[in-house]
Structures are given as structure tokens and as C-alpha cells.
């Protein structure tokens, strides 16, 4: 008999199978705000009987009753003794195929394996370019996760990511001459969750996290090192290495979170700390948060959301002090080889504020569409586009956070009319500081239950700036990479197709 069968036999011989897990939930859901209540108990610790509980008549009359013997029927057939097999001189009880299947089914209830495949085809056009010479790429993602729950109080979750671009060949380089790899493998999540006395919930490991109430901008999202791309179809950021302690206060409608941030920490002194308090009252929610870490700025933030007439109001604000990232003043001139001057704002409090409104309008009994707008003040940004190339060269070009003033608007139409599986999303974002803008339209269609097709198009307009970023560097003989100069035209139009399959 092969090794697979004996492995299954060994599994089936487990003395006490673990209790069944609760119905599966979303792989990355947060612990419940209100801890589950145990069944009512008597002072002795036993669960009290109810009026509908079945009565054991044999126990009631003090003994067991053999109905076959009482009424002259045949006695029940005796169960055959279990069949045994011998392996390596050891007698083992043979388990039936049905018993093995029952054990494997019970085990599968505690383990979920799944993932997502997101395949894309993107084309990017620049001004005055022919259609056939447009840049083409195919950035694809494959996420696989394992979610194990031995019982309803312990859980471990792991997710890995494989990204591959079919259009990149080995040895290809970017505009600065750095090699671009077609395939990358990364760990997105690896965390364990458990509770302490149903009152405190602990999640330890690399995990997804997002703070803030804004749709386009989240200045209070302190834990993520990378800013959210507000126009992306999916949040593709990876998880962060954290120890998160969640303490719910049911009667107050509040939740407290205490976090240790060990992402990238190589010594104990490099571990950061953060805290967040969320309080829901009436139709509003208020959150306050703080974060600190060695060689990082101190950060304080708050976000508020509430219903105001027909609108949903969202306000989010943060301040930070001790920012060591350099700021630049002056100009960048390659002909005279004039470089910007580095300045420090480490001793300043730097604010960022987001304010937005959203309204839903009911067309009929089944259809509703939503519109909204946001304004973002970013004191860490620049008032014009003169230093964008220098920021890019110094790895400080952060889209959607370059300017000092932004405005964004959007419209969302889910399942209009008979198109139950279709949704439309239109967005426009303007950098008011450099007067550049980008608009995007997304159409999402769900087919075959698990497959979602996405078609999108982005259009860049306005003046040259963040969203109309053009690079023109004259020849610099002293720099080999710039001996013939460098020209990168401003983007004009992007078009893409995507297929997202969850399993």
C-alpha cells in the first residue's frame, strides 16, 4: 500500500480531532468589535438545560431498555471487529475509506487556500506619437494565501505575491540605466491572531493596514511606507511588520489599538510605536492617532466622518515634526550646472489636511449613484514644477504628494438599470500648484461569478507638471549617461485591460 494511504491512515487515527472552525470570513478581516459571548452558565459551570431539551427516558427510569428483547425482535447485529494491518511489524487498525473522508473533510474546514490572479495589458501614449510606437506593458500579479483556523480563537494567515511583466526581457534598463527585473517575488502577509480572555485581540506579523477617512489622500496613514495610489483599481501595497493589540470597549462604542512597528528594524531601538483610538457615536466616527520611531518624525493625526444633510463629510488632518527628508530651494540648470540648495525643516511642524464631501442620489427604487469631491493641503509639497526632475533623481518623486494644493472629484455608478454586474467609476485629480491634471474612467464587469474584467483609460491635460511630467535634459558631456541629452515626452493617454480572478 502506498505512502499516501498510510499518511491518510495516520491522520485518521488522531485521538481527538480539533473542534470545528466557524464559517470562513474574509481572509483579511479585522477581529470583531464586540467579543463573542459564551453560553449562559450556572454557578456550577454547567450549561443549563432549556425547556426544549430532549428527555433521556432510559436515564429517567433508571436503566437502559432493550426494545428488541422487550417486543421479541431480533437483537441488533454486532459490529464487526476492526480490521488490522501490519506495517514494519506493528499492528495498526485499518480505517474505512468513509472515515478517512470524514477526517479529511473536518481538517479542510480549518484550512482555506485561495488567491487572486490579476492580469493586465497597458498601453501608454505621449503627445505627437504614432499609435504603433506607443509604450506597451503587461504587469501581472498572482497572490496566493493560506488561512488556518484550528479554532475560533486562533488563526494564522500567509500570503505571497508573484509579479511578472511579460514585456520585460532580462537585461532591460530604465531611463536612469538601472536594470529592470521582469519577475519579482514578495511576502505580502504573514500574521498570527489570537485573543486574551475574549477581551484583547492580538495580531502579530506582516499585515495589511490602512488608516484615514479620505478617498484620494490619507495623511494619517502612518504605518505604510508607501502612499496609496488613489486611481489604481486595487491597493497593491504589501503588508507591514507589526504587533497590533486591539482592545474593544463595547459600551462606549470605541476601539483602541496599540502597535509596535518592527518593519525594517535591525535593533530594539529601531522599533517604532503607534496608538489609535476610534469612537463611533450617533452617525459619526472620530479617530485620533499618534506614531513615533527612531530617526522618523513624530506624527499626530485625527480623522472625522459624519452624515451632514444629504452629504457624508470626511475630514482628515496630521502634523509631523522631525522630518529628516531634505527640502530643496533654488533652480536646476544643466547648462550652467546649477543645482538646488538643500534645506532642513526638521524643527518645523508640517501640517497636511484633507476635507471632502460625498452624496448619494437615488434614481429609482433600485439604482443610486454617488458623487464626491476632496481638497488636500500639503505643506510638505512644492508650489511649482521646477524641481520635479531633481526630486526624481533623488528618489523623492512621490505622486499625489508633490504639490501643496490638490483637488479631486469622482462619480460612482454601481449596477445601473439591468446591468447588475457592471459598475462605472470616473475620477479627476488636479494639482492646483502646477495646474496639471489627470482624469480616469473605469468600467468593471463581473462574469462567471469569480471573474471581473476591468477596462480603464486615463487622460492627462493641463500645464506641464506632475500629471504632465516632461523631461528635457540638454547634452552634458561630463556625464556619460547624458552625453547626448535626455528627452521624455509628457504622457497623454493610457489605456488598459485587466482580468481579476479570485479563487
Protein backbone atom coordinates (compact mmCIF):
# COMPACT_ATOMS: atom_id res chain seq x y z
CA UNK A 1 0.00 0.00 0.00
CA UNK A 2 1.46 3.36 -0.99
CA UNK A 3 2.78 6.04 1.37
CA UNK A 4 -0.09 8.46 0.68
CA UNK A 5 -2.64 5.95 2.02
CA UNK A 6 -0.61 5.37 5.20
CA UNK A 7 -0.32 9.11 5.73
CA UNK A 8 -4.10 9.37 5.46
CA UNK A 9 -4.44 6.48 7.92
CA UNK A 10 -2.19 8.22 10.40
CA UNK A 11 -4.26 11.39 10.12
CA UNK A 12 -7.43 9.44 10.63
CA UNK A 13 -6.03 7.82 13.78
CA UNK A 14 -5.76 11.13 15.61
CA UNK A 15 -7.29 10.57 19.06
CA UNK A 16 -9.19 13.85 19.38
CA UNK A 17 -9.92 15.95 16.32
CA UNK A 18 -9.78 19.71 16.85
CA UNK A 19 -13.13 21.46 17.25
CA UNK A 20 -14.73 22.70 14.09
CA UNK A 21 -13.91 26.25 13.00
CA UNK A 22 -16.62 28.86 12.45
CA UNK A 23 -17.78 29.68 8.94
CA UNK A 24 -14.97 31.28 6.92
CA UNK A 25 -14.78 35.05 6.72
CA UNK A 26 -12.81 37.43 4.55
CA UNK A 27 -9.11 36.40 4.67
CA UNK A 28 -8.03 39.82 5.90
CA UNK A 29 -10.96 40.86 8.10
CA UNK A 30 -10.29 42.54 11.41
CA UNK A 31 -11.32 41.00 14.75
CA UNK A 32 -14.89 41.75 15.80
CA UNK A 33 -15.55 44.93 17.70
CA UNK A 34 -17.70 43.07 20.22
CA UNK A 35 -16.16 39.87 21.59
CA UNK A 36 -18.33 36.75 21.25
CA UNK A 37 -20.45 35.97 24.28
CA UNK A 38 -20.11 32.50 25.85
CA UNK A 39 -23.24 30.45 26.54
CA UNK A 40 -25.03 31.15 29.80
CA UNK A 41 -23.71 29.07 32.67
CA UNK A 42 -24.96 28.06 36.08
CA UNK A 43 -22.87 28.77 39.18
CA UNK A 44 -21.55 25.23 38.95
CA UNK A 45 -20.19 25.90 35.47
CA UNK A 46 -22.65 23.66 33.61
CA UNK A 47 -24.77 24.89 30.73
CA UNK A 48 -28.41 24.96 31.93
CA UNK A 49 -30.98 22.86 30.16
CA UNK A 50 -33.78 24.51 28.22
CA UNK A 51 -37.45 23.60 28.04
CA UNK A 52 -36.94 22.22 24.54
CA UNK A 53 -34.09 19.90 25.53
CA UNK A 54 -34.81 16.19 24.72
CA UNK A 55 -35.57 13.87 27.60
CA UNK A 56 -33.46 10.72 28.11
CA UNK A 57 -36.15 8.21 29.07
CA UNK A 58 -33.61 5.48 29.91
CA UNK A 59 -31.93 7.75 32.43
CA UNK A 60 -35.36 8.88 33.69
CA UNK A 61 -36.42 5.34 34.64
CA UNK A 62 -33.03 4.29 35.99
CA UNK A 63 -31.77 1.90 33.34
CA UNK A 64 -31.47 1.07 29.67
CA UNK A 65 -34.31 -0.53 27.74
CA UNK A 66 -33.64 -3.16 25.04
CA UNK A 67 -36.70 -2.66 22.82
CA UNK A 68 -35.79 -5.67 20.61
CA UNK A 69 -35.79 -8.03 23.59
CA UNK A 70 -38.93 -6.41 25.06
CA UNK A 71 -41.05 -6.88 21.95
CA UNK A 72 -39.50 -10.13 20.67
CA UNK A 73 -37.48 -8.67 17.83
CA UNK A 74 -34.06 -9.72 16.63
CA UNK A 75 -31.14 -8.38 18.62
CA UNK A 76 -29.02 -5.73 16.87
CA UNK A 77 -26.21 -7.07 14.77
CA UNK A 78 -22.86 -6.88 16.48
CA UNK A 79 -20.35 -4.55 14.89
CA UNK A 80 -17.53 -6.46 13.21
CA UNK A 81 -14.16 -6.10 14.90
CA UNK A 82 -11.90 -3.53 13.26
CA UNK A 83 -9.62 -4.94 10.61
CA UNK A 84 -5.94 -4.61 11.34
CA UNK A 85 -2.96 -4.42 9.04
CA UNK A 86 0.71 -4.91 9.79
CA UNK A 87 3.40 -2.47 8.73
CA UNK A 88 7.03 -2.85 9.79
CA UNK A 89 5.99 -5.38 12.39
CA UNK A 90 3.43 -3.08 14.01
CA UNK A 91 -0.28 -3.92 14.02
CA UNK A 92 -2.43 -0.94 13.05
CA UNK A 93 -6.19 -0.66 12.93
CA UNK A 94 -7.40 -0.19 9.37
CA UNK A 95 -9.74 2.75 8.89
CA UNK A 96 -12.52 2.68 6.33
CA UNK A 97 -12.49 5.00 3.33
CA UNK A 98 -15.58 6.83 4.63
CA UNK A 99 -13.90 7.50 7.97
CA UNK A 100 -10.83 8.86 6.22
CA UNK A 101 -13.05 11.11 4.12
CA UNK A 102 -14.79 12.39 7.25
CA UNK A 103 -11.47 13.20 8.89
CA UNK A 104 -10.14 14.98 5.79
CA UNK A 105 -13.38 16.98 5.49
CA UNK A 106 -13.08 18.02 9.12
CA UNK A 107 -9.48 19.12 8.51
CA UNK A 108 -10.40 21.10 5.39
CA UNK A 109 -12.89 23.15 7.41
CA UNK A 110 -9.94 24.55 9.35
CA UNK A 111 -7.77 25.42 6.37
CA UNK A 112 -8.56 27.68 3.42
CA UNK A 113 -6.30 28.05 0.41
CA UNK A 114 -7.02 30.64 -2.26
CA UNK A 115 -5.77 33.69 -4.01
CA UNK A 116 -6.15 36.15 -6.82
CA UNK A 117 -4.73 36.43 -10.32
CA UNK A 118 -4.71 39.90 -11.86
CA UNK A 119 -3.57 40.02 -15.50
CA UNK A 120 -3.21 43.33 -17.33
CA UNK A 121 -2.35 44.82 -20.70
CA UNK A 122 -1.42 48.52 -20.66
CA UNK A 123 -0.63 50.95 -23.44
CA UNK A 124 0.72 54.48 -22.85
CA UNK A 125 0.70 57.27 -25.43
CA UNK A 126 2.66 60.51 -25.39
CA UNK A 127 1.96 63.67 -27.33
CA UNK A 128 2.61 63.60 -31.10
CA UNK A 129 3.40 59.88 -31.05
CA UNK A 130 2.21 57.33 -33.58
CA UNK A 131 -0.18 54.66 -32.41
CA UNK A 132 2.11 51.75 -33.28
CA UNK A 133 5.06 53.14 -31.27
CA UNK A 134 3.11 53.55 -28.01
CA UNK A 135 4.70 52.00 -24.92
CA UNK A 136 3.25 48.60 -24.06
CA UNK A 137 3.48 46.65 -20.81
CA UNK A 138 1.86 43.71 -19.08
CA UNK A 139 2.22 43.98 -15.28
CA UNK A 140 0.62 40.86 -13.78
CA UNK A 141 0.09 39.74 -10.22
CA UNK A 142 -0.56 36.39 -8.58
CA UNK A 143 -1.44 36.34 -4.87
CA UNK A 144 -1.75 33.03 -3.02
CA UNK A 145 -2.88 32.74 0.60
CA UNK A 146 -3.22 30.09 3.28
CA UNK A 147 -5.69 30.76 6.10
CA UNK A 148 -5.66 28.25 9.00
CA UNK A 149 -8.07 28.36 11.96
CA UNK A 150 -7.66 25.49 14.43
CA UNK A 151 -10.49 27.03 16.45
CA UNK A 152 -12.42 30.29 16.66
CA UNK A 153 -9.76 31.96 18.83
CA UNK A 154 -6.57 31.21 16.92
CA UNK A 155 -5.76 31.99 13.32
CA UNK A 156 -2.69 32.20 11.08
CA UNK A 157 -2.66 33.80 7.65
CA UNK A 158 0.06 33.94 4.99
CA UNK A 159 0.00 35.46 1.51
CA UNK A 160 2.74 35.61 -1.09
CA UNK A 161 2.90 37.64 -4.28
CA UNK A 162 4.43 36.86 -7.65
CA UNK A 163 4.63 39.76 -10.11
CA UNK A 164 5.76 39.39 -13.71
CA UNK A 165 5.81 41.61 -16.77
CA UNK A 166 5.86 39.59 -19.99
CA UNK A 167 7.17 42.58 -21.95
CA UNK A 168 10.41 42.97 -19.95
CA UNK A 169 13.42 40.95 -21.02
CA UNK A 170 16.44 40.13 -18.92
CA UNK A 171 18.94 42.98 -19.06
CA UNK A 172 16.42 45.77 -19.77
CA UNK A 173 17.08 49.10 -18.01
CA UNK A 174 15.04 52.15 -17.05
CA UNK A 175 15.63 55.79 -18.02
CA UNK A 176 18.45 56.07 -15.47
CA UNK A 177 20.25 52.91 -16.63
CA UNK A 178 19.15 50.72 -13.71
CA UNK A 179 18.27 47.11 -14.51
CA UNK A 180 14.58 46.22 -14.51
CA UNK A 181 13.65 42.69 -13.45
CA UNK A 182 10.69 41.02 -15.16
CA UNK A 183 9.84 38.76 -12.20
CA UNK A 184 9.61 39.60 -8.51
CA UNK A 185 8.54 37.52 -5.53
CA UNK A 186 7.44 39.14 -2.27
CA UNK A 187 5.77 38.24 1.00
CA UNK A 188 2.59 40.27 1.40
CA UNK A 189 1.27 38.92 4.70
CA UNK A 190 2.33 36.53 7.44
CA UNK A 191 0.49 37.02 10.70
CA UNK A 192 -0.97 35.15 13.65
CA UNK A 193 -4.07 36.26 15.53
CA UNK A 194 -5.40 35.21 18.93
CA UNK A 195 -7.39 36.67 21.79
CA UNK A 196 -6.83 37.01 25.51
CA UNK A 197 -9.95 36.12 27.52
CA UNK A 198 -12.20 37.34 24.66
CA UNK A 199 -11.27 40.89 25.66
CA UNK A 200 -7.99 41.67 23.92
CA UNK A 201 -7.14 40.71 20.33
CA UNK A 202 -3.54 40.36 19.20
CA UNK A 203 -2.30 40.23 15.59
CA UNK A 204 1.43 39.73 15.15
CA UNK A 205 3.35 39.67 11.88
CA UNK A 206 3.33 41.23 8.43
CA UNK A 207 -0.21 42.50 7.89
CA UNK A 208 -2.30 44.88 5.80
CA UNK A 209 -3.28 48.12 7.49
CA UNK A 210 -4.81 51.43 6.37
CA UNK A 211 -5.76 54.46 8.44
CA UNK A 212 -7.68 57.54 7.38
CA UNK A 213 -11.07 58.65 6.08
CA UNK A 214 -10.05 60.33 2.81
CA UNK A 215 -10.72 58.76 -0.56
CA UNK A 216 -7.77 60.14 -2.54
CA UNK A 217 -5.35 61.18 0.23
CA UNK A 218 -4.60 59.71 3.67
CA UNK A 219 -2.07 61.82 5.60
CA UNK A 220 -2.84 59.85 8.81
CA UNK A 221 -1.91 56.51 7.23
CA UNK A 222 1.23 56.43 9.39
CA UNK A 223 2.09 52.74 9.19
CA UNK A 224 2.51 52.37 5.42
CA UNK A 225 5.82 53.48 3.97
CA UNK A 226 4.31 53.85 0.50
CA UNK A 227 1.46 56.25 -0.26
CA UNK A 228 -1.75 54.89 -1.75
CA UNK A 229 -2.29 55.33 -5.49
CA UNK A 230 -5.85 56.74 -5.45
CA UNK A 231 -6.50 55.93 -9.13
CA UNK A 232 -5.40 52.29 -9.02
CA UNK A 233 -8.07 49.63 -9.41
CA UNK A 234 -6.65 47.72 -6.41
CA UNK A 235 -4.41 48.61 -3.49
CA UNK A 236 -1.23 46.75 -4.43
CA UNK A 237 0.82 47.77 -1.39
CA UNK A 238 2.35 44.99 0.70
CA UNK A 239 1.76 44.43 4.40
CA UNK A 240 3.78 45.94 7.26
CA UNK A 241 5.59 44.09 10.06
CA UNK A 242 3.56 44.91 13.18
CA UNK A 243 2.39 43.71 16.55
CA UNK A 244 -1.15 45.05 16.91
CA UNK A 245 -3.17 44.88 20.13
CA UNK A 246 -6.87 45.64 19.75
CA UNK A 247 -8.96 46.43 22.83
CA UNK A 248 -12.69 46.96 22.14
CA UNK A 249 -14.88 48.96 24.52
CA UNK A 250 -18.38 47.76 23.69
CA UNK A 251 -20.36 50.03 25.96
CA UNK A 252 -18.57 53.14 24.70
CA UNK A 253 -18.66 52.13 21.04
CA UNK A 254 -14.89 52.57 20.91
CA UNK A 255 -11.80 50.62 19.90
CA UNK A 256 -8.22 51.16 21.00
CA UNK A 257 -5.22 49.94 19.02
CA UNK A 258 -1.61 49.77 20.23
CA UNK A 259 1.07 48.89 17.69
CA UNK A 260 4.73 48.02 17.61
CA UNK A 261 6.27 48.68 14.19
CA UNK A 262 9.25 46.41 13.52
CA UNK A 263 9.28 46.74 9.73
CA UNK A 264 12.95 47.10 8.77
CA UNK A 265 14.12 47.31 12.39
CA UNK A 266 17.54 45.75 13.00
CA UNK A 267 17.83 46.63 16.68
CA UNK A 268 15.41 47.13 19.55
CA UNK A 269 15.86 50.89 19.49
CA UNK A 270 14.63 50.99 15.88
CA UNK A 271 11.22 49.51 16.73
CA UNK A 272 8.51 52.14 16.38
CA UNK A 273 5.30 52.59 18.31
CA UNK A 274 1.83 53.87 17.48
CA UNK A 275 -1.61 54.15 19.04
CA UNK A 276 -5.06 54.82 17.64
CA UNK A 277 -8.45 55.37 19.27
CA UNK A 278 -11.67 55.06 17.26
CA UNK A 279 -15.01 56.19 18.66
CA UNK A 280 -18.37 55.78 16.90
CA UNK A 281 -21.30 57.86 18.13
CA UNK A 282 -24.67 58.66 16.55
CA UNK A 283 -23.93 58.78 12.80
CA UNK A 284 -20.32 59.90 13.22
CA UNK A 285 -16.90 58.39 13.80
CA UNK A 286 -13.84 60.10 15.28
CA UNK A 287 -10.31 58.70 15.34
CA UNK A 288 -7.11 60.06 16.84
CA UNK A 289 -3.69 58.53 16.27
CA UNK A 290 -0.01 59.03 17.05
CA UNK A 291 3.22 57.42 15.87
CA UNK A 292 6.92 57.72 16.66
CA UNK A 293 10.11 55.93 15.66
CA UNK A 294 13.84 56.50 15.87
CA UNK A 295 15.09 58.81 13.09
CA UNK A 296 11.50 59.32 11.93
CA UNK A 297 9.22 62.29 12.57
CA UNK A 298 6.73 62.43 15.43
CA UNK A 299 3.25 62.22 13.94
CA UNK A 300 -0.14 63.20 15.31
CA UNK A 301 -3.38 62.80 13.40
CA UNK A 302 -7.15 62.77 13.54
CA UNK A 303 -9.91 61.90 11.11
CA UNK A 304 -13.63 62.50 11.35
CA UNK A 305 -16.58 61.33 9.27
CA UNK A 306 -20.25 62.16 9.72
CA UNK A 307 -23.59 62.49 7.96
CA UNK A 308 -24.41 66.12 7.16
CA UNK A 309 -27.82 66.55 5.49
CA UNK A 310 -27.53 64.58 2.23
CA UNK A 311 -23.73 64.53 2.44
CA UNK A 312 -21.15 62.34 4.07
CA UNK A 313 -18.48 64.64 5.48
CA UNK A 314 -14.85 63.47 5.80
CA UNK A 315 -12.03 65.45 7.40
CA UNK A 316 -8.51 64.14 7.98
CA UNK A 317 -5.51 66.05 9.33
CA UNK A 318 -1.99 65.31 10.52
CA UNK A 319 1.08 67.17 11.74
CA UNK A 320 4.65 65.89 11.86
CA UNK A 321 7.83 67.22 13.41
CA UNK A 322 11.38 65.98 12.95
CA UNK A 323 11.09 65.20 9.24
CA UNK A 324 14.64 64.44 8.09
CA UNK A 325 13.78 64.30 4.41
CA UNK A 326 15.58 67.23 2.77
CA UNK A 327 13.71 70.02 1.01
CA UNK A 328 15.14 71.96 -1.90
CA UNK A 329 15.17 75.56 -2.99
CA UNK A 330 16.59 77.36 -5.97
CA UNK A 331 16.74 76.06 -9.54
CA UNK A 332 18.11 73.20 -11.59
CA UNK A 333 20.04 74.34 -14.65
CA UNK A 334 22.12 71.81 -16.57
CA UNK A 335 23.68 74.37 -18.88
CA UNK A 336 25.27 76.31 -16.02
CA UNK A 337 25.37 73.21 -13.81
CA UNK A 338 23.37 75.00 -11.11
CA UNK A 339 21.89 72.65 -8.53
CA UNK A 340 19.16 73.28 -5.96
CA UNK A 341 20.07 74.10 -2.37
CA UNK A 342 19.17 71.59 0.33
CA UNK A 343 17.27 72.99 3.32
CA UNK A 344 16.07 71.38 6.53
CA UNK A 345 12.61 71.63 8.06
CA UNK A 346 13.35 69.22 10.89
CA UNK A 347 12.33 71.70 13.59
CA UNK A 348 9.03 72.65 11.94
CA UNK A 349 5.54 71.26 12.44
CA UNK A 350 4.36 70.31 8.94
CA UNK A 351 0.57 70.00 8.52
CA UNK A 352 -1.47 68.07 5.95
CA UNK A 353 -5.27 68.43 5.76
CA UNK A 354 -7.95 66.66 3.69
CA UNK A 355 -11.62 67.69 3.55
CA UNK A 356 -14.26 66.03 1.40
CA UNK A 357 -17.96 65.55 0.79
CA UNK A 358 -19.89 62.67 -0.79
CA UNK A 359 -23.58 62.47 -1.71
CA UNK A 360 -25.75 59.64 -2.96
CA UNK A 361 -28.67 60.30 -5.29
CA UNK A 362 -31.40 57.71 -5.69
CA UNK A 363 -32.58 57.45 -9.31
CA UNK A 364 -35.27 54.87 -8.62
CA UNK A 365 -36.06 52.16 -6.08
CA UNK A 366 -33.03 50.11 -7.15
CA UNK A 367 -30.41 52.50 -8.57
CA UNK A 368 -28.24 55.03 -6.75
CA UNK A 369 -25.21 56.94 -7.95
CA UNK A 370 -22.61 58.73 -5.86
CA UNK A 371 -20.56 61.90 -6.38
CA UNK A 372 -17.87 63.37 -4.20
CA UNK A 373 -15.02 65.86 -4.01
CA UNK A 374 -11.90 66.38 -1.88
CA UNK A 375 -9.40 69.15 -1.24
CA UNK A 376 -5.88 68.42 0.03
CA UNK A 377 -3.45 70.90 1.57
CA UNK A 378 0.09 69.51 1.70
CA UNK A 379 2.63 71.72 3.45
CA UNK A 380 5.35 69.20 2.55
CA UNK A 381 4.83 69.84 -1.19
CA UNK A 382 6.19 72.31 -3.74
CA UNK A 383 4.46 75.32 -5.25
CA UNK A 384 5.66 74.69 -8.84
CA UNK A 385 7.23 72.03 -11.06
CA UNK A 386 10.75 73.46 -11.36
CA UNK A 387 12.39 70.87 -9.09
CA UNK A 388 10.45 67.73 -10.04
CA UNK A 389 13.34 66.30 -12.08
CA UNK A 390 15.71 66.81 -9.16
CA UNK A 391 13.25 65.09 -6.82
CA UNK A 392 13.03 62.18 -9.25
CA UNK A 393 16.81 61.87 -9.38
CA UNK A 394 16.96 61.82 -5.56
CA UNK A 395 14.16 59.23 -5.20
CA UNK A 396 11.76 61.77 -3.69
CA UNK A 397 9.22 61.96 -6.50
CA UNK A 398 6.03 60.92 -4.70
CA UNK A 399 2.96 61.10 -6.96
CA UNK A 400 -0.12 62.80 -5.49
CA UNK A 401 2.02 64.33 -2.72
CA UNK A 402 4.32 66.63 -4.75
CA UNK A 403 2.22 69.81 -4.81
CA UNK A 404 0.93 71.99 -1.99
CA UNK A 405 -2.70 72.15 -3.13
CA UNK A 406 -4.83 69.43 -4.77
CA UNK A 407 -8.45 68.98 -5.74
CA UNK A 408 -10.16 65.73 -6.69
CA UNK A 409 -13.67 64.71 -7.72
CA UNK A 410 -15.32 61.41 -8.55
CA UNK A 411 -18.58 59.75 -9.58
CA UNK A 412 -19.51 56.13 -8.93
CA UNK A 413 -22.41 54.33 -10.64
CA UNK A 414 -22.90 50.73 -9.44
CA UNK A 415 -25.19 48.29 -11.27
CA UNK A 416 -27.22 50.79 -13.32
CA UNK A 417 -30.58 49.58 -14.66
CA UNK A 418 -30.38 46.00 -15.87
CA UNK A 419 -26.59 45.96 -15.80
CA UNK A 420 -26.45 44.25 -12.43
CA UNK A 421 -22.85 43.10 -12.82
CA UNK A 422 -21.43 46.36 -14.19
CA UNK A 423 -20.08 49.46 -12.46
CA UNK A 424 -18.65 52.78 -13.67
CA UNK A 425 -16.17 55.00 -11.82
CA UNK A 426 -14.93 58.36 -13.07
CA UNK A 427 -12.23 60.38 -11.29
CA UNK A 428 -10.31 63.59 -11.89
CA UNK A 429 -7.40 64.93 -9.83
CA UNK A 430 -5.78 68.33 -10.28
CA UNK A 431 -2.52 69.58 -8.84
CA UNK A 432 -3.58 73.17 -8.23
CA UNK A 433 0.02 74.21 -7.58
CA UNK A 434 1.39 73.34 -11.05
CA UNK A 435 -2.00 73.26 -12.85
CA UNK A 436 -1.62 69.75 -14.26
CA UNK A 437 -4.45 67.20 -14.13
CA UNK A 438 -5.41 63.62 -14.88
CA UNK A 439 -8.84 62.07 -15.46
CA UNK A 440 -9.64 58.36 -15.37
CA UNK A 441 -12.65 56.21 -16.28
CA UNK A 442 -13.01 52.63 -15.02
CA UNK A 443 -15.60 50.12 -16.21
CA UNK A 444 -15.83 46.88 -14.23
CA UNK A 445 -17.81 43.85 -15.41
CA UNK A 446 -18.26 40.69 -13.34
CA UNK A 447 -18.62 37.45 -15.33
CA UNK A 448 -18.79 33.82 -14.26
CA UNK A 449 -19.18 34.89 -10.60
CA UNK A 450 -15.46 34.94 -9.77
CA UNK A 451 -14.02 36.77 -12.77
CA UNK A 452 -14.06 40.57 -13.02
CA UNK A 453 -13.00 42.33 -16.22
CA UNK A 454 -11.75 45.90 -15.98
CA UNK A 455 -11.32 48.44 -18.76
CA UNK A 456 -9.81 51.82 -17.98
CA UNK A 457 -8.50 54.92 -19.68
CA UNK A 458 -6.55 57.88 -18.26
CA UNK A 459 -6.20 61.28 -19.91
CA UNK A 460 -3.56 63.85 -18.94
CA UNK A 461 -4.21 67.53 -19.51
CA UNK A 462 -3.40 70.99 -18.22
CA UNK A 463 0.05 72.53 -17.98
CA UNK A 464 3.36 70.68 -17.69
CA UNK A 465 3.71 69.39 -14.15
CA UNK A 466 3.15 66.32 -12.02
CA UNK A 467 0.46 64.76 -14.24
CA UNK A 468 2.02 66.12 -17.44
CA UNK A 469 5.59 65.32 -16.47
CA UNK A 470 8.07 66.01 -19.25
CA UNK A 471 11.84 65.54 -19.04
CA UNK A 472 14.21 67.57 -21.20
CA UNK A 473 17.91 67.44 -20.35
CA UNK A 474 20.43 69.06 -22.73
CA UNK A 475 23.68 67.20 -23.57
CA UNK A 476 26.07 67.09 -20.63
CA UNK A 477 29.49 65.89 -21.92
CA UNK A 478 30.86 65.36 -18.40
CA UNK A 479 28.09 62.85 -17.59
CA UNK A 480 28.31 59.73 -19.84
CA UNK A 481 24.62 58.87 -19.41
CA UNK A 482 23.66 62.39 -20.52
CA UNK A 483 26.26 62.90 -23.23
CA UNK A 484 23.51 63.06 -25.87
CA UNK A 485 20.92 64.62 -23.59
CA UNK A 486 17.65 63.05 -22.47
CA UNK A 487 14.09 63.66 -23.62
CA UNK A 488 10.98 62.02 -22.22
CA UNK A 489 7.72 63.45 -23.64
CA UNK A 490 4.79 64.19 -21.36
CA UNK A 491 2.15 61.45 -21.06
CA UNK A 492 -1.10 61.98 -22.91
CA UNK A 493 -3.31 58.88 -22.77
CA UNK A 494 -3.22 55.45 -21.15
CA UNK A 495 -5.47 52.55 -21.92
CA UNK A 496 -5.65 49.23 -20.15
CA UNK A 497 -7.44 45.90 -19.90
CA UNK A 498 -7.50 43.78 -16.79
CA UNK A 499 -8.85 40.42 -15.68
CA UNK A 500 -9.14 39.69 -11.97
CA UNK A 501 -9.92 36.13 -10.88
CA UNK A 502 -10.45 35.27 -7.23
CA UNK A 503 -10.36 31.65 -6.09
